Amino acid sequence: MTLWRLHVDVADQPGRLGALAGVIGGCGANIVSLHVVGEPSQDGAVTDELLVRVPPQLAVPALVEAVEAAGFRVTVVVQADAQALADPVTTALALAHCVAVDPGSAARAVAALLR
């Protein structure tokens, strides 16, 4: 399976996020992460950033086509890697703990944060 980052505009209405998840799951792909990017637009739509695991038998353009056919607007489609799954807050806290325990690790911790 490959990991893809998609930005999808979703109307802020009951059931729309569920409908998006249903389309993606119906294609055989799996949403492994989701967060809102930026602020809602004037019409209340939000841009959701999804990290989606796509099985080898599913062409990414076919997934995008299915999402758009369901009434969503896809604005970004880029391949991602496992690093994209790391939670930045958890990573920062873990590195802060390492520096607290071993102050000599500060340079390595800063380098890790900047990757």
Protein backbone atom coordinates (compact mmCIF):
# COMPACT_ATOMS: atom_id res chain seq x y z
CA MET A 1 0.00 0.00 0.00
CA THR A 2 1.10 3.54 -0.69
CA LEU A 3 0.39 6.58 1.43
CA TRP A 4 -1.11 9.70 -0.15
CA ARG A 5 -1.86 13.18 1.19
CA LEU A 6 -5.13 14.65 -0.07
CA HIS A 7 -6.64 18.05 0.64
CA VAL A 8 -10.40 17.89 0.23
CA ASP A 9 -12.89 20.73 0.62
CA VAL A 10 -15.78 19.52 2.78
CA ALA A 11 -18.98 21.42 3.52
CA ASP A 12 -19.48 21.88 7.24
CA GLN A 13 -22.78 19.99 7.31
CA PRO A 14 -23.88 16.90 9.21
CA GLY A 15 -22.86 13.71 7.42
CA ARG A 16 -20.48 15.21 4.84
CA LEU A 17 -17.32 13.91 6.50
CA GLY A 18 -18.96 10.51 6.88
CA ALA A 19 -19.88 10.55 3.20
CA LEU A 20 -16.27 11.33 2.28
CA ALA A 21 -15.01 8.48 4.45
CA GLY A 22 -17.58 6.17 2.86
CA VAL A 23 -16.40 7.01 -0.66
CA ILE A 24 -12.75 6.46 0.24
CA GLY A 25 -13.47 3.22 2.09
CA GLY A 26 -15.74 2.07 -0.71
CA CYS A 27 -12.79 2.34 -3.08
CA GLY A 28 -10.75 0.09 -0.78
CA ALA A 29 -8.55 2.84 0.64
CA ASN A 30 -8.13 3.69 4.34
CA ILE A 31 -7.94 7.10 6.03
CA VAL A 32 -5.14 6.91 8.60
CA SER A 33 -5.02 10.58 9.59
CA LEU A 34 -7.19 13.66 9.23
CA HIS A 35 -6.90 17.26 10.31
CA VAL A 36 -8.42 20.57 9.29
CA VAL A 37 -6.16 22.94 7.37
CA GLY A 38 -6.70 26.65 7.95
CA GLU A 39 -9.99 28.34 8.72
CA PRO A 40 -13.46 27.67 7.30
CA SER A 41 -14.28 29.57 4.11
CA GLN A 42 -17.10 32.13 4.00
CA ASP A 43 -19.54 29.42 2.92
CA GLY A 44 -18.53 27.27 5.89
CA ALA A 45 -16.48 24.71 3.94
CA VAL A 46 -13.28 23.44 5.50
CA THR A 47 -10.24 21.88 3.90
CA ASP A 48 -9.45 18.52 5.41
CA GLU A 49 -5.98 17.04 5.00
CA LEU A 50 -6.24 13.28 4.78
CA LEU A 51 -3.45 10.72 4.83
CA VAL A 52 -4.85 7.77 2.93
CA ARG A 53 -3.41 4.28 2.47
CA VAL A 54 -4.16 3.21 -1.07
CA PRO A 55 -3.96 -0.47 -2.04
CA PRO A 56 -1.85 -1.39 -5.08
CA GLN A 57 -4.88 -2.37 -7.15
CA LEU A 58 -6.42 1.12 -6.81
CA ALA A 59 -5.13 3.86 -9.09
CA VAL A 60 -4.95 7.16 -7.22
CA PRO A 61 -6.61 9.08 -10.10
CA ALA A 62 -9.57 6.68 -9.80
CA LEU A 63 -9.81 7.44 -6.07
CA VAL A 64 -9.74 11.19 -6.74
CA GLU A 65 -12.37 10.79 -9.46
CA ALA A 66 -14.66 8.90 -7.06
CA VAL A 67 -14.24 11.56 -4.37
CA GLU A 68 -14.99 14.36 -6.83
CA ALA A 69 -17.95 12.45 -8.29
CA ALA A 70 -19.41 12.42 -4.77
CA GLY A 71 -19.41 16.23 -4.74
CA PHE A 72 -16.11 16.98 -3.01
CA ARG A 73 -13.33 19.19 -4.36
CA VAL A 74 -9.82 17.70 -4.18
CA THR A 75 -7.16 20.43 -4.20
CA VAL A 76 -3.96 18.54 -3.36
CA VAL A 77 -2.82 15.01 -4.19
CA VAL A 78 0.78 14.10 -3.32
CA GLN A 79 2.46 10.89 -2.33
CA ALA A 80 3.50 10.84 1.32
CA ASP A 81 5.80 8.67 3.41
CA ALA A 82 5.61 7.15 6.87
CA GLN A 83 7.16 10.31 8.35
CA ALA A 84 3.85 12.04 7.59
CA LEU A 85 2.18 9.82 10.18
CA ALA A 86 4.31 11.16 13.03
CA ASP A 87 2.38 13.41 15.40
CA PRO A 88 4.43 16.62 15.71
CA VAL A 89 3.26 17.43 19.24
CA THR A 90 4.07 13.96 20.55
CA THR A 91 7.43 14.07 18.78
CA ALA A 92 8.27 17.46 20.32
CA LEU A 93 7.31 16.29 23.81
CA ALA A 94 9.37 13.11 23.48
CA LEU A 95 12.38 15.12 22.31
CA ALA A 96 11.94 17.60 25.19
CA HIS A 97 11.95 14.68 27.61
CA CYS A 98 15.17 13.36 26.04
CA VAL A 99 16.83 16.77 26.48
CA ALA A 100 15.62 17.00 30.10
CA VAL A 101 17.16 13.60 30.84
CA ASP A 102 20.31 14.22 28.77
CA PRO A 103 21.05 17.91 28.08
CA GLY A 104 23.83 16.82 25.72
CA SER A 105 21.18 15.57 23.29
CA ALA A 106 19.81 19.08 22.64
CA ALA A 107 21.52 19.50 19.25
CA ARG A 108 20.18 16.14 18.02
CA ALA A 109 16.70 17.02 19.31
CA VAL A 110 16.67 20.35 17.48
CA ALA A 111 17.87 18.65 14.29
CA ALA A 112 15.09 16.07 14.61
CA LEU A 113 12.48 18.81 15.03
CA LEU A 114 13.67 20.61 11.92
CA ARG A 115 13.45 17.55 9.66
